[in-house]
């Protein structure tokens, strides 16, 4: 897969995860939750699912 597609996948996964972070934590606290490690979600939640997809996409891009 080329680097551009990996970047696009990572960006899309980040946007989906952060949309869920805003839903869970609210617009005001979403950024702080992300950068303080609280936005990973509990196992089995939609937040964790999206976080895991983001990490996988981010890491795939980072290895290129």
PDB file of N, CA and C in Angstrom:
ATOM      1  N   UNK A   1       0.853  -1.167   0.000  1.00  0.00           N
ATOM      2  CA  UNK A   1       0.000   0.000   0.000  1.00  0.00           C
ATOM      3  C   UNK A   1       0.906   1.239   0.000  1.00  0.00           C
ATOM      4  N   UNK A   2       0.512   2.246  -0.751  1.00  0.00           N
ATOM      5  CA  UNK A   2       1.385   3.418  -0.810  1.00  0.00           C
ATOM      6  C   UNK A   2       1.178   4.334   0.396  1.00  0.00           C
ATOM      7  N   UNK A   3       2.149   5.165   0.606  1.00  0.00           N
ATOM      8  CA  UNK A   3       2.173   6.027   1.797  1.00  0.00           C
ATOM      9  C   UNK A   3       0.980   6.987   1.854  1.00  0.00           C
ATOM     10  N   UNK A   4       0.550   7.502   0.716  1.00  0.00           N
ATOM     11  CA  UNK A   4      -0.597   8.405   0.699  1.00  0.00           C
ATOM     12  C   UNK A   4      -1.854   7.699   1.201  1.00  0.00           C
ATOM     13  N   UNK A   5      -2.088   6.490   0.750  1.00  0.00           N
ATOM     14  CA  UNK A   5      -3.273   5.746   1.195  1.00  0.00           C
ATOM     15  C   UNK A   5      -3.193   5.432   2.689  1.00  0.00           C
ATOM     16  N   UNK A   6      -2.000   5.131   3.164  1.00  0.00           N
ATOM     17  CA  UNK A   6      -1.832   4.880   4.594  1.00  0.00           C
ATOM     18  C   UNK A   6      -2.109   6.147   5.410  1.00  0.00           C
ATOM     19  N   UNK A   7      -1.661   7.278   4.912  1.00  0.00           N
ATOM     20  CA  UNK A   7      -1.929   8.552   5.579  1.00  0.00           C
ATOM     21  C   UNK A   7      -3.426   8.849   5.584  1.00  0.00           C
ATOM     22  N   UNK A   8      -4.072   8.635   4.463  1.00  0.00           N
ATOM     23  CA  UNK A   8      -5.514   8.870   4.386  1.00  0.00           C
ATOM     24  C   UNK A   8      -6.268   7.948   5.349  1.00  0.00           C
ATOM     25  N   UNK A   9      -5.841   6.691   5.429  1.00  0.00           N
ATOM     26  CA  UNK A   9      -6.471   5.753   6.360  1.00  0.00           C
ATOM     27  C   UNK A   9      -6.264   6.176   7.805  1.00  0.00           C
ATOM     28  N   UNK A  10      -5.074   6.610   8.121  1.00  0.00           N
ATOM     29  CA  UNK A  10      -4.765   7.062   9.472  1.00  0.00           C
ATOM     30  C   UNK A  10      -5.575   8.303   9.828  1.00  0.00           C
ATOM     31  N   UNK A  11      -5.670   9.228   8.904  1.00  0.00           N
ATOM     32  CA  UNK A  11      -6.436  10.451   9.127  1.00  0.00           C
ATOM     33  C   UNK A  11      -7.919  10.145   9.323  1.00  0.00           C
ATOM     34  N   UNK A  12      -8.460   9.263   8.509  1.00  0.00           N
ATOM     35  CA  UNK A  12      -9.873   8.891   8.639  1.00  0.00           C
ATOM     36  C   UNK A  12     -10.134   8.193   9.971  1.00  0.00           C
ATOM     37  N   UNK A  13      -9.232   7.305  10.376  1.00  0.00           N
ATOM     38  CA  UNK A  13      -9.392   6.600  11.652  1.00  0.00           C
ATOM     39  C   UNK A  13      -9.305   7.580  12.817  1.00  0.00           C
ATOM     40  N   UNK A  14      -8.408   8.548  12.723  1.00  0.00           N
ATOM     41  CA  UNK A  14      -8.278   9.571  13.764  1.00  0.00           C
ATOM     42  C   UNK A  14      -9.561  10.388  13.865  1.00  0.00           C
ATOM     43  N   UNK A  15     -10.117  10.791  12.749  1.00  0.00           N
ATOM     44  CA  UNK A  15     -11.351  11.586  12.759  1.00  0.00           C
ATOM     45  C   UNK A  15     -12.510  10.800  13.362  1.00  0.00           C
ATOM     46  N   UNK A  16     -12.633   9.516  13.005  1.00  0.00           N
ATOM     47  CA  UNK A  16     -13.717   8.693  13.547  1.00  0.00           C
ATOM     48  C   UNK A  16     -13.559   8.513  15.051  1.00  0.00           C
ATOM     49  N   UNK A  17     -12.331   8.240  15.487  1.00  0.00           N
ATOM     50  CA  UNK A  17     -12.072   8.078  16.918  1.00  0.00           C
ATOM     51  C   UNK A  17     -12.387   9.368  17.678  1.00  0.00           C
ATOM     52  N   UNK A  18     -11.923  10.506  17.159  1.00  0.00           N
ATOM     53  CA  UNK A  18     -12.147  11.765  17.855  1.00  0.00           C
ATOM     54  C   UNK A  18     -13.619  12.177  17.854  1.00  0.00           C
ATOM     55  N   UNK A  19     -14.370  11.793  16.851  1.00  0.00           N
ATOM     56  CA  UNK A  19     -15.813  12.053  16.871  1.00  0.00           C
ATOM     57  C   UNK A  19     -16.449  11.310  18.043  1.00  0.00           C
ATOM     58  N   UNK A  20     -16.020  10.076  18.265  1.00  0.00           N
ATOM     59  CA  UNK A  20     -16.539   9.304  19.396  1.00  0.00           C
ATOM     60  C   UNK A  20     -16.040   9.871  20.725  1.00  0.00           C
ATOM     61  N   UNK A  21     -14.808  10.334  20.758  1.00  0.00           N
ATOM     62  CA  UNK A  21     -14.277  10.965  21.976  1.00  0.00           C
ATOM     63  C   UNK A  21     -15.137  12.178  22.330  1.00  0.00           C
ATOM     64  N   UNK A  22     -15.494  12.980  21.338  1.00  0.00           N
ATOM     65  CA  UNK A  22     -16.347  14.146  21.594  1.00  0.00           C
ATOM     66  C   UNK A  22     -17.723  13.717  22.091  1.00  0.00           C
ATOM     67  N   UNK A  23     -18.237  12.616  21.568  1.00  0.00           N
ATOM     68  CA  UNK A  23     -19.536  12.115  22.021  1.00  0.00           C
ATOM     69  C   UNK A  23     -19.469  11.680  23.483  1.00  0.00           C
ATOM     70  N   UNK A  24     -18.403  10.992  23.846  1.00  0.00           N
ATOM     71  CA  UNK A  24     -18.264  10.457  25.199  1.00  0.00           C
ATOM     72  C   UNK A  24     -17.896  11.543  26.210  1.00  0.00           C
ATOM     73  N   UNK A  25     -16.941  12.400  25.856  1.00  0.00           N
ATOM     74  CA  UNK A  25     -16.405  13.367  26.811  1.00  0.00           C
ATOM     75  C   UNK A  25     -16.957  14.783  26.643  1.00  0.00           C
ATOM     76  N   UNK A  26     -17.631  15.022  25.550  1.00  0.00           N
ATOM     77  CA  UNK A  26     -18.116  16.362  25.267  1.00  0.00           C
ATOM     78  C   UNK A  26     -17.078  17.164  24.517  1.00  0.00           C
ATOM     79  N   UNK A  27     -17.544  18.120  23.772  1.00  0.00           N
ATOM     80  CA  UNK A  27     -16.662  18.954  22.940  1.00  0.00           C
ATOM     81  C   UNK A  27     -15.584  19.641  23.773  1.00  0.00           C
ATOM     82  N   UNK A  28     -15.962  20.115  24.914  1.00  0.00           N
ATOM     83  CA  UNK A  28     -15.035  20.885  25.762  1.00  0.00           C
ATOM     84  C   UNK A  28     -13.874  20.049  26.288  1.00  0.00           C
ATOM     85  N   UNK A  29     -14.126  18.800  26.659  1.00  0.00           N
ATOM     86  CA  UNK A  29     -13.106  17.971  27.306  1.00  0.00           C
ATOM     87  C   UNK A  29     -12.450  16.942  26.386  1.00  0.00           C
ATOM     88  N   UNK A  30     -12.864  16.874  25.137  1.00  0.00           N
ATOM     89  CA  UNK A  30     -12.358  15.840  24.227  1.00  0.00           C
ATOM     90  C   UNK A  30     -10.840  15.915  24.030  1.00  0.00           C
ATOM     91  N   UNK A  31     -10.324  17.097  23.783  1.00  0.00           N
ATOM     92  CA  UNK A  31      -8.883  17.244  23.556  1.00  0.00           C
ATOM     93  C   UNK A  31      -8.063  16.843  24.762  1.00  0.00           C
ATOM     94  N   UNK A  32      -8.505  17.261  25.930  1.00  0.00           N
ATOM     95  CA  UNK A  32      -7.786  16.900  27.156  1.00  0.00           C
ATOM     96  C   UNK A  32      -7.851  15.395  27.402  1.00  0.00           C
ATOM     97  N   UNK A  33      -9.002  14.793  27.129  1.00  0.00           N
ATOM     98  CA  UNK A  33      -9.140  13.348  27.312  1.00  0.00           C
ATOM     99  C   UNK A  33      -8.160  12.612  26.400  1.00  0.00           C
ATOM    100  N   UNK A  34      -8.035  13.077  25.175  1.00  0.00           N
ATOM    101  CA  UNK A  34      -7.112  12.440  24.231  1.00  0.00           C
ATOM    102  C   UNK A  34      -5.664  12.534  24.722  1.00  0.00           C
ATOM    103  N   UNK A  35      -5.246  13.707  25.077  1.00  0.00           N
ATOM    104  CA  UNK A  35      -3.840  13.911  25.382  1.00  0.00           C
ATOM    105  C   UNK A  35      -3.448  13.531  26.804  1.00  0.00           C
ATOM    106  N   UNK A  36      -4.428  13.205  27.613  1.00  0.00           N
ATOM    107  CA  UNK A  36      -4.134  12.701  28.956  1.00  0.00           C
ATOM    108  C   UNK A  36      -4.389  11.204  29.063  1.00  0.00           C
ATOM    109  N   UNK A  37      -4.604  10.541  27.916  1.00  0.00           N
ATOM    110  CA  UNK A  37      -4.730   9.092  27.892  1.00  0.00           C
ATOM    111  C   UNK A  37      -6.039   8.533  28.420  1.00  0.00           C
ATOM    112  N   UNK A  38      -7.060   9.362  28.532  1.00  0.00           N
ATOM    113  CA  UNK A  38      -8.356   8.887  29.025  1.00  0.00           C
ATOM    114  C   UNK A  38      -9.305   8.523  27.890  1.00  0.00           C
ATOM    115  N   UNK A  39      -8.920   8.757  26.663  1.00  0.00           N
ATOM    116  CA  UNK A  39      -9.821   8.574  25.522  1.00  0.00           C
ATOM    117  C   UNK A  39      -9.652   7.234  24.823  1.00  0.00           C
ATOM    118  N   UNK A  40      -9.105   6.262  25.529  1.00  0.00           N
ATOM    119  CA  UNK A  40      -8.903   4.958  24.899  1.00  0.00           C
ATOM    120  C   UNK A  40     -10.104   4.047  25.066  1.00  0.00           C
ATOM    121  N   UNK A  41     -10.958   4.315  26.023  1.00  0.00           N
ATOM    122  CA  UNK A  41     -12.166   3.522  26.213  1.00  0.00           C
ATOM    123  C   UNK A  41     -11.909   2.202  26.907  1.00  0.00           C
ATOM    124  N   UNK A  42     -12.957   1.646  27.444  1.00  0.00           N
ATOM    125  CA  UNK A  42     -12.893   0.340  28.095  1.00  0.00           C
ATOM    126  C   UNK A  42     -13.011  -0.761  27.045  1.00  0.00           C
ATOM    127  N   UNK A  43     -12.393  -1.914  27.280  1.00  0.00           N
ATOM    128  CA  UNK A  43     -12.534  -3.025  26.336  1.00  0.00           C
ATOM    129  C   UNK A  43     -14.008  -3.328  26.062  1.00  0.00           C
ATOM    130  N   UNK A  44     -14.319  -3.549  24.800  1.00  0.00           N
ATOM    131  CA  UNK A  44     -15.680  -3.863  24.402  1.00  0.00           C
ATOM    132  C   UNK A  44     -16.544  -2.661  24.054  1.00  0.00           C
ATOM    133  N   UNK A  45     -16.017  -1.439  24.255  1.00  0.00           N
ATOM    134  CA  UNK A  45     -16.793  -0.247  23.924  1.00  0.00           C
ATOM    135  C   UNK A  45     -16.466   0.224  22.510  1.00  0.00           C
ATOM    136  N   UNK A  46     -17.361   1.013  21.971  1.00  0.00           N
ATOM    137  CA  UNK A  46     -17.144   1.602  20.646  1.00  0.00           C
ATOM    138  C   UNK A  46     -15.912   2.508  20.664  1.00  0.00           C
ATOM    139  N   UNK A  47     -15.719   3.211  21.761  1.00  0.00           N
ATOM    140  CA  UNK A  47     -14.553   4.081  21.880  1.00  0.00           C
ATOM    141  C   UNK A  47     -13.268   3.270  21.768  1.00  0.00           C
ATOM    142  N   UNK A  48     -13.184   2.132  22.442  1.00  0.00           N
ATOM    143  CA  UNK A  48     -11.978   1.298  22.365  1.00  0.00           C
ATOM    144  C   UNK A  48     -11.804   0.737  20.965  1.00  0.00           C
ATOM    145  N   UNK A  49     -12.892   0.324  20.334  1.00  0.00           N
ATOM    146  CA  UNK A  49     -12.821  -0.206  18.975  1.00  0.00           C
ATOM    147  C   UNK A  49     -12.220   0.830  18.023  1.00  0.00           C
ATOM    148  N   UNK A  50     -12.723   2.053  18.105  1.00  0.00           N
ATOM    149  CA  UNK A  50     -12.217   3.115  17.233  1.00  0.00           C
ATOM    150  C   UNK A  50     -10.785   3.501  17.591  1.00  0.00           C
ATOM    151  N   UNK A  51     -10.455   3.495  18.864  1.00  0.00           N
ATOM    152  CA  UNK A  51      -9.086   3.784  19.282  1.00  0.00           C
ATOM    153  C   UNK A  51      -8.125   2.737  18.721  1.00  0.00           C
ATOM    154  N   UNK A  52      -8.500   1.468  18.840  1.00  0.00           N
ATOM    155  CA  UNK A  52      -7.649   0.392  18.316  1.00  0.00           C
ATOM    156  C   UNK A  52      -7.455   0.504  16.806  1.00  0.00           C
ATOM    157  N   UNK A  53      -8.522   0.862  16.095  1.00  0.00           N
ATOM    158  CA  UNK A  53      -8.403   1.054  14.641  1.00  0.00           C
ATOM    159  C   UNK A  53      -7.484   2.226  14.330  1.00  0.00           C
ATOM    160  N   UNK A  54      -7.592   3.290  15.101  1.00  0.00           N
ATOM    161  CA  UNK A  54      -6.714   4.446  14.911  1.00  0.00           C
ATOM    162  C   UNK A  54      -5.251   4.064  15.132  1.00  0.00           C
ATOM    163  N   UNK A  55      -4.969   3.366  16.218  1.00  0.00           N
ATOM    164  CA  UNK A  55      -3.590   2.973  16.527  1.00  0.00           C
ATOM    165  C   UNK A  55      -3.031   2.078  15.425  1.00  0.00           C
ATOM    166  N   UNK A  56      -3.826   1.149  14.965  1.00  0.00           N
ATOM    167  CA  UNK A  56      -3.376   0.254  13.891  1.00  0.00           C
ATOM    168  C   UNK A  56      -3.061   1.038  12.619  1.00  0.00           C
ATOM    169  N   UNK A  57      -3.936   1.973  12.242  1.00  0.00           N
ATOM    170  CA  UNK A  57      -3.722   2.781  11.040  1.00  0.00           C
ATOM    171  C   UNK A  57      -2.528   3.716  11.206  1.00  0.00           C
ATOM    172  N   UNK A  58      -2.403   4.322  12.383  1.00  0.00           N
ATOM    173  CA  UNK A  58      -1.284   5.217  12.669  1.00  0.00           C
ATOM    174  C   UNK A  58       0.045   4.469  12.597  1.00  0.00           C
ATOM    175  N   UNK A  59       0.074   3.281  13.183  1.00  0.00           N
ATOM    176  CA  UNK A  59       1.295   2.497  13.176  1.00  0.00           C
ATOM    177  C   UNK A  59       1.663   2.014  11.775  1.00  0.00           C
ATOM    178  N   UNK A  60       0.645   1.648  10.987  1.00  0.00           N
ATOM    179  CA  UNK A  60       0.918   1.226   9.604  1.00  0.00           C
ATOM    180  C   UNK A  60       1.534   2.366   8.812  1.00  0.00           C
ATOM    181  N   UNK A  61       1.012   3.565   8.995  1.00  0.00           N
ATOM    182  CA  UNK A  61       1.583   4.726   8.327  1.00  0.00           C
ATOM    183  C   UNK A  61       2.993   5.011   8.836  1.00  0.00           C
ATOM    184  N   UNK A  62       3.185   4.898  10.120  1.00  0.00           N
ATOM    185  CA  UNK A  62       4.481   5.197  10.719  1.00  0.00           C
ATOM    186  C   UNK A  62       5.594   4.252  10.319  1.00  0.00           C
ATOM    187  N   UNK A  63       5.247   3.053   9.910  1.00  0.00           N
ATOM    188  CA  UNK A  63       6.274   2.072   9.527  1.00  0.00           C
ATOM    189  C   UNK A  63       6.743   2.246   8.087  1.00  0.00           C
ATOM    190  N   UNK A  64       6.070   3.109   7.339  1.00  0.00           N
ATOM    191  CA  UNK A  64       6.459   3.322   5.933  1.00  0.00           C
ATOM    192  C   UNK A  64       7.515   4.368   5.794  1.00  0.00           C
TER     193      UNK A  64
END
